[in-house]
């Protein structure tokens, strides 16, 4: 009788443990499918690689010269937009590039296929491919085939997706963030995505760019939060909005409506 009772106790405890494990794994840590938004979190999604109050690491002489030539519209070195002396590439509707697009507080949709992860960003309607078919980023790229977003290849290390990106466009075409921090065409970016909860993915980034920064730049952790298509604000058509950066709207409409008044210029 005692043996029977103890067997029932063991079965009961085992059932509880299995149930707890099942509850703790309600989501697949390797499934990033869905809509994600950095701005949905408690901090609203900062646009800089470092947190507010931080600063970039020391730069090389060439990196410092390139950085001092940037005239951003945000941060401690901001240039009033209406003066016409700012030179943020995004002001002319050029692509933000990576990692800057990862910092912008707008929603994105992530689509996981057998051979790649696709990130579709609402801002500028950018479509990024992270290949996961075993390909490896080469050491050198032909300058003629460099890209705004670079080439990205991912692999799993446990339940962390490690993404390597290289092969960027020439100097000055994209900035790291909206503060005007720069990079060279030889920058190699490493992203580490870890799904820490059903509704959260944590992102760690390391920039290796000896031409600009003598030491690797370990960025502050960023978090993406899962949202529903319905929460994006389109009642009749849930999903990402169409936020193309069109020169017609950017240079004419947006400047007159937002940039000029902000700089004290009245139309």
Protein backbone atom coordinates (compact mmCIF):
# COMPACT_ATOMS: atom_id res chain seq x y z
CA UNK A 1 0.00 0.00 0.00
CA UNK A 2 2.85 2.32 0.94
CA UNK A 3 4.66 1.57 -2.36
CA UNK A 4 1.47 2.35 -4.28
CA UNK A 5 1.07 5.64 -2.42
CA UNK A 6 4.69 6.64 -3.06
CA UNK A 7 4.29 5.81 -6.74
CA UNK A 8 1.27 8.09 -6.93
CA UNK A 9 3.26 10.87 -5.22
CA UNK A 10 6.12 10.48 -7.71
CA UNK A 11 3.73 10.57 -10.65
CA UNK A 12 2.00 13.65 -9.21
CA UNK A 13 5.28 15.51 -8.67
CA UNK A 14 6.54 14.56 -12.13
CA UNK A 15 3.29 15.83 -13.66
CA UNK A 16 3.67 19.14 -11.84
CA UNK A 17 7.26 19.50 -13.04
CA UNK A 18 6.36 18.72 -16.62
CA UNK A 19 3.46 21.16 -16.46
CA UNK A 20 5.76 23.87 -15.11
CA UNK A 21 8.24 23.27 -17.92
CA UNK A 22 5.45 23.40 -20.47
CA UNK A 23 4.17 26.69 -19.03
CA UNK A 24 7.68 28.11 -19.01
CA UNK A 25 8.06 27.24 -22.70
CA UNK A 26 4.83 28.59 -24.08
CA UNK A 27 6.86 30.11 -26.91
CA UNK A 28 9.62 28.80 -29.14
CA UNK A 29 12.79 30.77 -28.27
CA UNK A 30 13.95 30.32 -31.86
CA UNK A 31 10.78 31.66 -33.43
CA UNK A 32 10.93 35.43 -34.00
CA UNK A 33 7.90 35.54 -36.27
CA UNK A 34 5.59 38.47 -35.60
CA UNK A 35 5.45 42.23 -35.17
CA UNK A 36 8.08 43.82 -32.93
CA UNK A 37 8.53 47.40 -31.74
CA UNK A 38 11.27 48.97 -29.63
CA UNK A 39 9.05 51.97 -28.88
CA UNK A 40 6.48 49.70 -27.19
CA UNK A 41 8.74 49.28 -24.15
CA UNK A 42 9.10 51.40 -21.02
CA UNK A 43 11.89 53.58 -22.45
CA UNK A 44 10.25 54.38 -25.76
CA UNK A 45 13.22 53.12 -27.79
CA UNK A 46 16.24 55.45 -27.83
CA UNK A 47 17.72 56.27 -31.25
CA UNK A 48 21.37 56.15 -30.22
CA UNK A 49 23.71 53.20 -29.86
CA UNK A 50 24.62 54.26 -26.34
CA UNK A 51 22.05 55.26 -23.75
CA UNK A 52 21.26 58.92 -23.06
CA UNK A 53 24.20 60.58 -21.39
CA UNK A 54 26.72 58.10 -22.79
CA UNK A 55 29.34 58.68 -25.42
CA UNK A 56 31.06 56.77 -28.24
CA UNK A 57 34.47 55.16 -27.68
CA UNK A 58 37.74 56.86 -28.71
CA UNK A 59 38.18 57.32 -32.47
CA UNK A 60 41.10 57.13 -34.84
CA UNK A 61 42.28 60.38 -36.42
CA UNK A 62 40.42 59.62 -39.65
CA UNK A 63 37.32 58.57 -37.71
CA UNK A 64 37.39 61.79 -35.68
CA UNK A 65 37.72 63.90 -38.82
CA UNK A 66 34.79 62.12 -40.43
CA UNK A 67 32.70 62.46 -37.26
CA UNK A 68 33.41 66.19 -36.93
CA UNK A 69 32.27 66.68 -40.51
CA UNK A 70 28.77 65.40 -39.70
CA UNK A 71 26.11 67.96 -38.82
CA UNK A 72 23.18 66.05 -37.30
CA UNK A 73 19.79 67.49 -36.48
CA UNK A 74 19.69 65.84 -33.05
CA UNK A 75 21.80 65.63 -29.92
CA UNK A 76 24.44 67.94 -28.44
CA UNK A 77 25.91 68.76 -31.88
CA UNK A 78 22.58 69.45 -33.58
CA UNK A 79 22.27 71.97 -36.38
CA UNK A 80 18.88 73.71 -36.70
CA UNK A 81 17.31 72.04 -39.74
CA UNK A 82 16.08 75.25 -41.32
CA UNK A 83 19.60 76.70 -41.59
CA UNK A 84 20.23 74.29 -44.43
CA UNK A 85 23.63 73.35 -43.07
CA UNK A 86 22.73 69.91 -41.70
CA UNK A 87 24.02 66.94 -43.68
CA UNK A 88 22.19 63.93 -42.29
CA UNK A 89 21.88 61.55 -45.28
CA UNK A 90 18.39 60.59 -44.15
CA UNK A 91 17.27 64.19 -44.74
CA UNK A 92 17.50 63.45 -48.45
CA UNK A 93 15.58 60.18 -48.05
CA UNK A 94 18.69 58.02 -48.28
CA UNK A 95 18.46 54.64 -46.52
CA UNK A 96 19.38 54.62 -42.84
CA UNK A 97 21.49 51.51 -43.10
CA UNK A 98 22.29 49.01 -40.37
CA UNK A 99 22.47 49.39 -37.40
CA UNK A 100 20.69 52.77 -37.53
CA UNK A 101 17.40 51.33 -38.79
CA UNK A 102 17.47 48.94 -35.80
CA UNK A 103 17.49 51.94 -33.46
CA UNK A 104 14.60 53.85 -35.00
CA UNK A 105 11.45 53.61 -32.83
CA UNK A 106 9.04 52.24 -35.40
CA UNK A 107 7.42 48.79 -35.67
CA UNK A 108 8.76 46.00 -37.85
CA UNK A 109 7.58 42.60 -38.99
CA UNK A 110 9.91 39.62 -38.77
CA UNK A 111 9.30 36.67 -41.07
CA UNK A 112 11.18 33.42 -40.47
CA UNK A 113 11.74 31.11 -43.42
CA UNK A 114 13.78 27.92 -43.64
CA UNK A 115 16.78 29.71 -45.13
CA UNK A 116 16.55 33.28 -43.82
CA UNK A 117 15.00 35.81 -41.45
CA UNK A 118 13.36 38.78 -43.14
CA UNK A 119 13.00 42.04 -41.19
CA UNK A 120 10.53 44.50 -42.72
CA UNK A 121 10.78 47.93 -41.11
CA UNK A 122 7.80 50.28 -41.26
CA UNK A 123 10.05 53.36 -41.44
CA UNK A 124 11.18 53.75 -45.06
CA UNK A 125 9.54 50.34 -45.70
CA UNK A 126 12.97 48.71 -45.58
CA UNK A 127 13.30 44.98 -46.25
CA UNK A 128 16.39 43.27 -44.79
CA UNK A 129 17.48 39.66 -45.42
CA UNK A 130 19.48 37.72 -42.83
CA UNK A 131 20.58 34.53 -44.57
CA UNK A 132 20.60 31.37 -42.45
CA UNK A 133 21.51 28.78 -45.05
CA UNK A 134 25.09 28.24 -43.90
CA UNK A 135 26.74 31.01 -45.88
CA UNK A 136 29.61 32.90 -44.22
CA UNK A 137 30.48 36.58 -44.59
CA UNK A 138 33.75 36.83 -46.59
CA UNK A 139 36.71 38.81 -45.31
CA UNK A 140 36.71 41.20 -48.29
CA UNK A 141 33.99 42.51 -50.58
CA UNK A 142 34.27 43.79 -54.11
CA UNK A 143 33.63 47.56 -53.78
CA UNK A 144 31.30 47.32 -56.74
CA UNK A 145 28.82 45.10 -54.91
CA UNK A 146 28.70 46.82 -51.52
CA UNK A 147 25.24 47.60 -50.12
CA UNK A 148 23.41 50.18 -48.04
CA UNK A 149 22.41 47.45 -45.55
CA UNK A 150 25.47 45.27 -46.05
CA UNK A 151 25.33 41.48 -46.30
CA UNK A 152 23.96 39.60 -43.29
CA UNK A 153 24.37 35.94 -42.33
CA UNK A 154 22.97 34.35 -39.17
CA UNK A 155 23.60 31.22 -37.14
CA UNK A 156 22.26 29.80 -33.89
CA UNK A 157 24.38 29.57 -30.76
CA UNK A 158 22.02 27.76 -28.42
CA UNK A 159 18.85 29.85 -28.51
CA UNK A 160 20.70 33.04 -29.47
CA UNK A 161 20.67 34.13 -33.10
CA UNK A 162 24.08 35.56 -34.01
CA UNK A 163 24.10 37.81 -37.09
CA UNK A 164 27.26 39.01 -38.83
CA UNK A 165 26.99 41.93 -41.28
CA UNK A 166 29.64 43.45 -43.55
CA UNK A 167 30.06 44.79 -47.09
CA UNK A 168 28.76 48.32 -46.50
CA UNK A 169 28.63 51.22 -48.92
CA UNK A 170 31.37 53.87 -49.09
CA UNK A 171 32.23 56.30 -46.29
CA UNK A 172 29.60 58.79 -45.22
CA UNK A 173 26.60 57.25 -46.94
CA UNK A 174 25.12 55.99 -43.67
CA UNK A 175 25.60 56.91 -40.01
CA UNK A 176 25.46 54.58 -37.03
CA UNK A 177 22.76 56.66 -35.37
CA UNK A 178 21.04 60.05 -35.54
CA UNK A 179 23.85 61.72 -33.55
CA UNK A 180 26.20 61.51 -36.50
CA UNK A 181 28.42 58.69 -35.26
CA UNK A 182 30.21 57.25 -38.26
CA UNK A 183 31.72 54.05 -39.61
CA UNK A 184 34.00 52.97 -42.43
CA UNK A 185 33.03 50.63 -45.31
CA UNK A 186 35.01 47.91 -43.53
CA UNK A 187 32.83 47.87 -40.43
CA UNK A 188 31.67 44.45 -39.28
CA UNK A 189 28.58 44.39 -37.09
CA UNK A 190 27.67 41.49 -34.82
CA UNK A 191 24.11 41.26 -33.51
CA UNK A 192 22.99 38.75 -30.89
CA UNK A 193 19.21 38.25 -30.61
CA UNK A 194 17.87 36.34 -27.61
CA UNK A 195 14.18 35.84 -26.97
CA UNK A 196 14.02 36.37 -23.21
CA UNK A 197 10.22 36.16 -22.87
CA UNK A 198 7.13 35.50 -24.95
CA UNK A 199 6.91 39.19 -25.79
CA UNK A 200 10.56 40.31 -25.68
CA UNK A 201 13.72 39.90 -27.75
CA UNK A 202 16.96 41.31 -26.39
CA UNK A 203 19.53 42.66 -28.84
CA UNK A 204 23.25 43.03 -28.18
CA UNK A 205 25.51 44.66 -30.78
CA UNK A 206 29.28 44.87 -31.20
CA UNK A 207 30.92 47.08 -33.84
CA UNK A 208 34.36 46.13 -35.11
CA UNK A 209 35.75 48.94 -37.24
CA UNK A 210 39.49 49.50 -36.64
CA UNK A 211 39.58 52.29 -39.25
CA UNK A 212 37.22 54.33 -37.07
CA UNK A 213 37.42 52.88 -33.54
CA UNK A 214 40.66 51.30 -32.23
CA UNK A 215 38.68 48.97 -29.98
CA UNK A 216 35.39 47.08 -30.49
CA UNK A 217 32.34 49.19 -29.63
CA UNK A 218 30.04 47.17 -27.39
CA UNK A 219 26.65 48.85 -27.60
CA UNK A 220 24.04 49.02 -24.87
CA UNK A 221 21.43 46.28 -24.96
CA UNK A 222 18.21 47.05 -26.79
CA UNK A 223 14.88 45.26 -26.42
CA UNK A 224 12.20 44.59 -29.03
CA UNK A 225 8.66 44.07 -27.73
CA UNK A 226 6.05 41.94 -29.44
CA UNK A 227 2.89 43.73 -30.52
CA UNK A 228 -0.26 42.76 -32.40
CA UNK A 229 -1.05 44.00 -35.92
CA UNK A 230 -4.23 45.56 -34.52
CA UNK A 231 -2.19 47.75 -32.14
CA UNK A 232 -0.56 49.55 -35.06
CA UNK A 233 -3.54 51.85 -35.44
CA UNK A 234 -5.05 50.74 -38.75
CA UNK A 235 -8.56 49.61 -37.81
CA UNK A 236 -9.56 48.39 -41.26
CA UNK A 237 -6.16 47.07 -42.34
CA UNK A 238 -4.06 45.82 -39.41
CA UNK A 239 -0.34 45.64 -40.11
CA UNK A 240 2.57 47.92 -40.88
CA UNK A 241 1.86 51.40 -42.18
CA UNK A 242 3.34 52.63 -45.45
CA UNK A 243 6.02 55.07 -44.33
CA UNK A 244 8.10 55.55 -47.44
CA UNK A 245 10.56 58.41 -47.37
CA UNK A 246 9.71 60.07 -50.66
CA UNK A 247 11.80 63.10 -51.73
CA UNK A 248 8.64 64.87 -52.83
CA UNK A 249 7.15 64.69 -49.34
CA UNK A 250 10.43 64.98 -47.42
CA UNK A 251 11.90 68.00 -49.14
CA UNK A 252 8.70 69.90 -49.74
CA UNK A 253 5.88 68.92 -47.41
CA UNK A 254 7.86 67.80 -44.34
CA UNK A 255 10.29 70.71 -44.48
CA UNK A 256 7.51 73.29 -44.68
CA UNK A 257 5.34 71.60 -42.09
CA UNK A 258 7.94 70.48 -39.52
CA UNK A 259 11.58 71.41 -40.12
CA UNK A 260 11.20 75.07 -41.05
CA UNK A 261 8.86 75.98 -38.15
CA UNK A 262 11.17 74.10 -35.74
CA UNK A 263 14.06 76.28 -36.93
CA UNK A 264 12.06 79.51 -36.70
CA UNK A 265 11.47 79.90 -40.42
CA UNK A 266 7.92 80.94 -41.25
CA UNK A 267 6.40 80.18 -44.63
